[in-house]
Amino acid sequence: MSVAGESGGRAQELRQLAQEADQAAERAADPEQRKRLKDKARRLREQSEQASSMGSGDIYPPQ
């Protein structure tokens, strides 16, 4: 598998984890837990974007 393919797979995996964290946040009754899950989802999306841009050959991470 190519590096781009591996990065794309990792990006997809991170997006899936972010979606799951968002869904868990929607179900969370505790406001603090909801905030933690939303923050986790945001971080996972950022990592996904970085993995995606690295896989496409973009040498500059998103700003």
PDB file of N, CA and C in Angstrom:
ATOM      1  N   MET A   1       0.849  -1.181   0.000  1.00  0.00           N
ATOM      2  CA  MET A   1       0.000   0.000   0.000  1.00  0.00           C
ATOM      3  C   MET A   1       0.886   1.234   0.000  1.00  0.00           C
ATOM      4  N   SER A   2       0.481   2.247  -0.728  1.00  0.00           N
ATOM      5  CA  SER A   2       1.266   3.473  -0.817  1.00  0.00           C
ATOM      6  C   SER A   2       1.104   4.305   0.444  1.00  0.00           C
ATOM      7  N   VAL A   3       2.005   5.262   0.598  1.00  0.00           N
ATOM      8  CA  VAL A   3       1.929   6.161   1.742  1.00  0.00           C
ATOM      9  C   VAL A   3       0.637   6.960   1.683  1.00  0.00           C
ATOM     10  N   ALA A   4       0.261   7.417   0.491  1.00  0.00           N
ATOM     11  CA  ALA A   4      -0.980   8.174   0.344  1.00  0.00           C
ATOM     12  C   ALA A   4      -2.184   7.321   0.739  1.00  0.00           C
ATOM     13  N   GLY A   5      -2.179   6.058   0.360  1.00  0.00           N
ATOM     14  CA  GLY A   5      -3.274   5.170   0.727  1.00  0.00           C
ATOM     15  C   GLY A   5      -3.348   4.945   2.220  1.00  0.00           C
ATOM     16  N   GLU A   6      -2.198   4.806   2.846  1.00  0.00           N
ATOM     17  CA  GLU A   6      -2.170   4.620   4.293  1.00  0.00           C
ATOM     18  C   GLU A   6      -2.678   5.874   4.999  1.00  0.00           C
ATOM     19  N   SER A   7      -2.241   7.050   4.527  1.00  0.00           N
ATOM     20  CA  SER A   7      -2.687   8.305   5.131  1.00  0.00           C
ATOM     21  C   SER A   7      -4.180   8.498   4.940  1.00  0.00           C
ATOM     22  N   GLY A   8      -4.681   8.140   3.757  1.00  0.00           N
ATOM     23  CA  GLY A   8      -6.108   8.257   3.495  1.00  0.00           C
ATOM     24  C   GLY A   8      -6.913   7.352   4.394  1.00  0.00           C
ATOM     25  N   GLY A   9      -6.415   6.139   4.614  1.00  0.00           N
ATOM     26  CA  GLY A   9      -7.098   5.218   5.514  1.00  0.00           C
ATOM     27  C   GLY A   9      -7.097   5.730   6.933  1.00  0.00           C
ATOM     28  N   ARG A  10      -5.989   6.292   7.346  1.00  0.00           N
ATOM     29  CA  ARG A  10      -5.882   6.853   8.698  1.00  0.00           C
ATOM     30  C   ARG A  10      -6.814   8.055   8.846  1.00  0.00           C
ATOM     31  N   ALA A  11      -6.870   8.890   7.818  1.00  0.00           N
ATOM     32  CA  ALA A  11      -7.753  10.055   7.855  1.00  0.00           C
ATOM     33  C   ALA A  11      -9.208   9.604   7.984  1.00  0.00           C
ATOM     34  N   GLN A  12      -9.580   8.583   7.224  1.00  0.00           N
ATOM     35  CA  GLN A  12     -10.950   8.065   7.285  1.00  0.00           C
ATOM     36  C   GLN A  12     -11.245   7.499   8.676  1.00  0.00           C
ATOM     37  N   GLU A  13     -10.292   6.789   9.237  1.00  0.00           N
ATOM     38  CA  GLU A  13     -10.468   6.229  10.580  1.00  0.00           C
ATOM     39  C   GLU A  13     -10.655   7.345  11.609  1.00  0.00           C
ATOM     40  N   LEU A  14      -9.880   8.405  11.494  1.00  0.00           N
ATOM     41  CA  LEU A  14      -9.994   9.524  12.425  1.00  0.00           C
ATOM     42  C   LEU A  14     -11.339  10.233  12.272  1.00  0.00           C
ATOM     43  N   ARG A  15     -11.808  10.379  11.033  1.00  0.00           N
ATOM     44  CA  ARG A  15     -13.126  10.992  10.816  1.00  0.00           C
ATOM     45  C   ARG A  15     -14.220  10.152  11.457  1.00  0.00           C
ATOM     46  N   GLN A  16     -14.103   8.836  11.340  1.00  0.00           N
ATOM     47  CA  GLN A  16     -15.092   7.941  11.947  1.00  0.00           C
ATOM     48  C   GLN A  16     -15.082   8.082  13.468  1.00  0.00           C
ATOM     49  N   LEU A  17     -13.895   8.136  14.051  1.00  0.00           N
ATOM     50  CA  LEU A  17     -13.798   8.300  15.504  1.00  0.00           C
ATOM     51  C   LEU A  17     -14.376   9.638  15.946  1.00  0.00           C
ATOM     52  N   ALA A  18     -14.147  10.685  15.157  1.00  0.00           N
ATOM     53  CA  ALA A  18     -14.695  12.005  15.470  1.00  0.00           C
ATOM     54  C   ALA A  18     -16.216  11.965  15.439  1.00  0.00           C
ATOM     55  N   GLN A  19     -16.770  11.296  14.460  1.00  0.00           N
ATOM     56  CA  GLN A  19     -18.228  11.186  14.352  1.00  0.00           C
ATOM     57  C   GLN A  19     -18.788  10.432  15.552  1.00  0.00           C
ATOM     58  N   GLU A  20     -18.115   9.369  15.950  1.00  0.00           N
ATOM     59  CA  GLU A  20     -18.578   8.601  17.110  1.00  0.00           C
ATOM     60  C   GLU A  20     -18.516   9.435  18.385  1.00  0.00           C
ATOM     61  N   ALA A  21     -17.461  10.243  18.539  1.00  0.00           N
ATOM     62  CA  ALA A  21     -17.341  11.109  19.711  1.00  0.00           C
ATOM     63  C   ALA A  21     -18.448  12.158  19.707  1.00  0.00           C
ATOM     64  N   ASP A  22     -18.769  12.704  18.531  1.00  0.00           N
ATOM     65  CA  ASP A  22     -19.866  13.671  18.428  1.00  0.00           C
ATOM     66  C   ASP A  22     -21.193  13.037  18.831  1.00  0.00           C
ATOM     67  N   GLN A  23     -21.424  11.824  18.359  1.00  0.00           N
ATOM     68  CA  GLN A  23     -22.677  11.139  18.691  1.00  0.00           C
ATOM     69  C   GLN A  23     -22.755  10.853  20.191  1.00  0.00           C
ATOM     70  N   ALA A  24     -21.643  10.455  20.778  1.00  0.00           N
ATOM     71  CA  ALA A  24     -21.616  10.201  22.218  1.00  0.00           C
ATOM     72  C   ALA A  24     -21.862  11.497  22.988  1.00  0.00           C
ATOM     73  N   ALA A  25     -21.324  12.601  22.484  1.00  0.00           N
ATOM     74  CA  ALA A  25     -21.534  13.895  23.136  1.00  0.00           C
ATOM     75  C   ALA A  25     -23.007  14.268  23.115  1.00  0.00           C
ATOM     76  N   GLU A  26     -23.686  13.976  22.021  1.00  0.00           N
ATOM     77  CA  GLU A  26     -25.120  14.280  21.929  1.00  0.00           C
ATOM     78  C   GLU A  26     -25.925  13.480  22.940  1.00  0.00           C
ATOM     79  N   ARG A  27     -25.465  12.288  23.258  1.00  0.00           N
ATOM     80  CA  ARG A  27     -26.185  11.428  24.211  1.00  0.00           C
ATOM     81  C   ARG A  27     -25.801  11.708  25.661  1.00  0.00           C
ATOM     82  N   ALA A  28     -24.682  12.393  25.878  1.00  0.00           N
ATOM     83  CA  ALA A  28     -24.171  12.613  27.233  1.00  0.00           C
ATOM     84  C   ALA A  28     -25.091  13.559  28.009  1.00  0.00           C
ATOM     85  N   ALA A  29     -25.413  13.174  29.217  1.00  0.00           N
ATOM     86  CA  ALA A  29     -26.262  14.005  30.076  1.00  0.00           C
ATOM     87  C   ALA A  29     -25.428  15.043  30.831  1.00  0.00           C
ATOM     88  N   ASP A  30     -24.201  14.681  31.147  1.00  0.00           N
ATOM     89  CA  ASP A  30     -23.321  15.557  31.920  1.00  0.00           C
ATOM     90  C   ASP A  30     -22.695  16.608  30.997  1.00  0.00           C
ATOM     91  N   PRO A  31     -22.881  17.890  31.290  1.00  0.00           N
ATOM     92  CA  PRO A  31     -22.318  18.945  30.433  1.00  0.00           C
ATOM     93  C   PRO A  31     -20.793  18.882  30.309  1.00  0.00           C
ATOM     94  N   GLU A  32     -20.117  18.520  31.380  1.00  0.00           N
ATOM     95  CA  GLU A  32     -18.649  18.418  31.311  1.00  0.00           C
ATOM     96  C   GLU A  32     -18.222  17.287  30.386  1.00  0.00           C
ATOM     97  N   GLN A  33     -18.895  16.155  30.487  1.00  0.00           N
ATOM     98  CA  GLN A  33     -18.572  15.028  29.612  1.00  0.00           C
ATOM     99  C   GLN A  33     -18.874  15.396  28.157  1.00  0.00           C
ATOM    100  N   ARG A  34     -19.979  16.091  27.939  1.00  0.00           N
ATOM    101  CA  ARG A  34     -20.342  16.511  26.587  1.00  0.00           C
ATOM    102  C   ARG A  34     -19.248  17.408  26.010  1.00  0.00           C
ATOM    103  N   LYS A  35     -18.753  18.351  26.816  1.00  0.00           N
ATOM    104  CA  LYS A  35     -17.694  19.257  26.363  1.00  0.00           C
ATOM    105  C   LYS A  35     -16.422  18.488  26.033  1.00  0.00           C
ATOM    106  N   ARG A  36     -16.052  17.540  26.890  1.00  0.00           N
ATOM    107  CA  ARG A  36     -14.845  16.731  26.640  1.00  0.00           C
ATOM    108  C   ARG A  36     -14.974  15.947  25.336  1.00  0.00           C
ATOM    109  N   LEU A  37     -16.138  15.367  25.105  1.00  0.00           N
ATOM    110  CA  LEU A  37     -16.347  14.585  23.888  1.00  0.00           C
ATOM    111  C   LEU A  37     -16.332  15.479  22.645  1.00  0.00           C
ATOM    112  N   LYS A  38     -16.925  16.665  22.737  1.00  0.00           N
ATOM    113  CA  LYS A  38     -16.904  17.601  21.608  1.00  0.00           C
ATOM    114  C   LYS A  38     -15.460  18.031  21.312  1.00  0.00           C
ATOM    115  N   ASP A  39     -14.679  18.297  22.365  1.00  0.00           N
ATOM    116  CA  ASP A  39     -13.269  18.667  22.180  1.00  0.00           C
ATOM    117  C   ASP A  39     -12.492  17.522  21.540  1.00  0.00           C
ATOM    118  N   LYS A  40     -12.761  16.310  21.984  1.00  0.00           N
ATOM    119  CA  LYS A  40     -12.086  15.136  21.411  1.00  0.00           C
ATOM    120  C   LYS A  40     -12.425  15.010  19.930  1.00  0.00           C
ATOM    121  N   ALA A  41     -13.693  15.198  19.588  1.00  0.00           N
ATOM    122  CA  ALA A  41     -14.120  15.114  18.184  1.00  0.00           C
ATOM    123  C   ALA A  41     -13.412  16.182  17.348  1.00  0.00           C
ATOM    124  N   ARG A  42     -13.293  17.387  17.885  1.00  0.00           N
ATOM    125  CA  ARG A  42     -12.616  18.472  17.162  1.00  0.00           C
ATOM    126  C   ARG A  42     -11.148  18.129  16.917  1.00  0.00           C
ATOM    127  N   ARG A  43     -10.481  17.603  17.950  1.00  0.00           N
ATOM    128  CA  ARG A  43      -9.065  17.222  17.796  1.00  0.00           C
ATOM    129  C   ARG A  43      -8.896  16.103  16.771  1.00  0.00           C
ATOM    130  N   LEU A  44      -9.802  15.142  16.790  1.00  0.00           N
ATOM    131  CA  LEU A  44      -9.731  14.042  15.828  1.00  0.00           C
ATOM    132  C   LEU A  44      -9.927  14.549  14.402  1.00  0.00           C
ATOM    133  N   ARG A  45     -10.847  15.508  14.219  1.00  0.00           N
ATOM    134  CA  ARG A  45     -11.048  16.081  12.879  1.00  0.00           C
ATOM    135  C   ARG A  45      -9.797  16.816  12.408  1.00  0.00           C
ATOM    136  N   GLU A  46      -9.152  17.549  13.322  1.00  0.00           N
ATOM    137  CA  GLU A  46      -7.918  18.255  12.964  1.00  0.00           C
ATOM    138  C   GLU A  46      -6.835  17.257  12.550  1.00  0.00           C
ATOM    139  N   GLN A  47      -6.718  16.167  13.304  1.00  0.00           N
ATOM    140  CA  GLN A  47      -5.734  15.139  12.952  1.00  0.00           C
ATOM    141  C   GLN A  47      -6.064  14.508  11.611  1.00  0.00           C
ATOM    142  N   SER A  48      -7.350  14.319  11.353  1.00  0.00           N
ATOM    143  CA  SER A  48      -7.794  13.755  10.085  1.00  0.00           C
ATOM    144  C   SER A  48      -7.396  14.665   8.924  1.00  0.00           C
ATOM    145  N   GLU A  49      -7.598  15.965   9.099  1.00  0.00           N
ATOM    146  CA  GLU A  49      -7.226  16.921   8.054  1.00  0.00           C
ATOM    147  C   GLU A  49      -5.725  16.895   7.805  1.00  0.00           C
ATOM    148  N   GLN A  50      -4.946  16.797   8.876  1.00  0.00           N
ATOM    149  CA  GLN A  50      -3.492  16.746   8.716  1.00  0.00           C
ATOM    150  C   GLN A  50      -3.078  15.468   7.992  1.00  0.00           C
ATOM    151  N   ALA A  51      -3.650  14.346   8.378  1.00  0.00           N
ATOM    152  CA  ALA A  51      -3.307  13.077   7.732  1.00  0.00           C
ATOM    153  C   ALA A  51      -3.714  13.105   6.267  1.00  0.00           C
ATOM    154  N   SER A  52      -4.856  13.706   5.997  1.00  0.00           N
ATOM    155  CA  SER A  52      -5.352  13.796   4.628  1.00  0.00           C
ATOM    156  C   SER A  52      -4.437  14.662   3.774  1.00  0.00           C
ATOM    157  N   SER A  53      -4.009  15.801   4.292  1.00  0.00           N
ATOM    158  CA  SER A  53      -3.158  16.700   3.507  1.00  0.00           C
ATOM    159  C   SER A  53      -1.759  16.115   3.333  1.00  0.00           C
ATOM    160  N   MET A  54      -1.265  15.384   4.308  1.00  0.00           N
ATOM    161  CA  MET A  54       0.045  14.752   4.175  1.00  0.00           C
ATOM    162  C   MET A  54      -0.002  13.653   3.120  1.00  0.00           C
ATOM    163  N   GLY A  55      -1.110  12.928   3.082  1.00  0.00           N
ATOM    164  CA  GLY A  55      -1.268  11.861   2.102  1.00  0.00           C
ATOM    165  C   GLY A  55      -1.387  12.377   0.697  1.00  0.00           C
ATOM    166  N   SER A  56      -1.896  13.599   0.551  1.00  0.00           N
ATOM    167  CA  SER A  56      -2.051  14.156  -0.796  1.00  0.00           C
ATOM    168  C   SER A  56      -0.777  14.822  -1.280  1.00  0.00           C
ATOM    169  N   GLY A  57       0.239  14.843  -0.442  1.00  0.00           N
ATOM    170  CA  GLY A  57       1.506  15.438  -0.847  1.00  0.00           C
ATOM    171  C   GLY A  57       1.628  16.903  -0.483  1.00  0.00           C
ATOM    172  N   ASP A  58       0.630  17.437   0.188  1.00  0.00           N
ATOM    173  CA  ASP A  58       0.679  18.835   0.618  1.00  0.00           C
ATOM    174  C   ASP A  58       1.658  18.936   1.773  1.00  0.00           C
ATOM    175  N   ILE A  59       2.712  19.716   1.589  1.00  0.00           N
ATOM    176  CA  ILE A  59       3.747  19.783   2.627  1.00  0.00           C
ATOM    177  C   ILE A  59       3.416  20.799   3.705  1.00  0.00           C
ATOM    178  N   TYR A  60       2.415  21.634   3.462  1.00  0.00           N
ATOM    179  CA  TYR A  60       2.049  22.654   4.442  1.00  0.00           C
ATOM    180  C   TYR A  60       0.779  22.229   5.160  1.00  0.00           C
ATOM    181  N   PRO A  61       0.827  22.054   6.482  1.00  0.00           N
ATOM    182  CA  PRO A  61      -0.379  21.682   7.212  1.00  0.00           C
ATOM    183  C   PRO A  61      -1.406  22.803   7.166  1.00  0.00           C
ATOM    184  N   PRO A  62      -2.678  22.488   7.291  1.00  0.00           N
ATOM    185  CA  PRO A  62      -3.718  23.532   7.258  1.00  0.00           C
ATOM    186  C   PRO A  62      -3.515  24.527   8.387  1.00  0.00           C
ATOM    187  N   GLN A  63      -3.784  25.766   8.117  1.00  0.00           N
ATOM    188  CA  GLN A  63      -3.615  26.829   9.127  1.00  0.00           C
ATOM    189  C   GLN A  63      -4.913  27.160   9.790  1.00  0.00           C
TER     190      GLN A  63
END
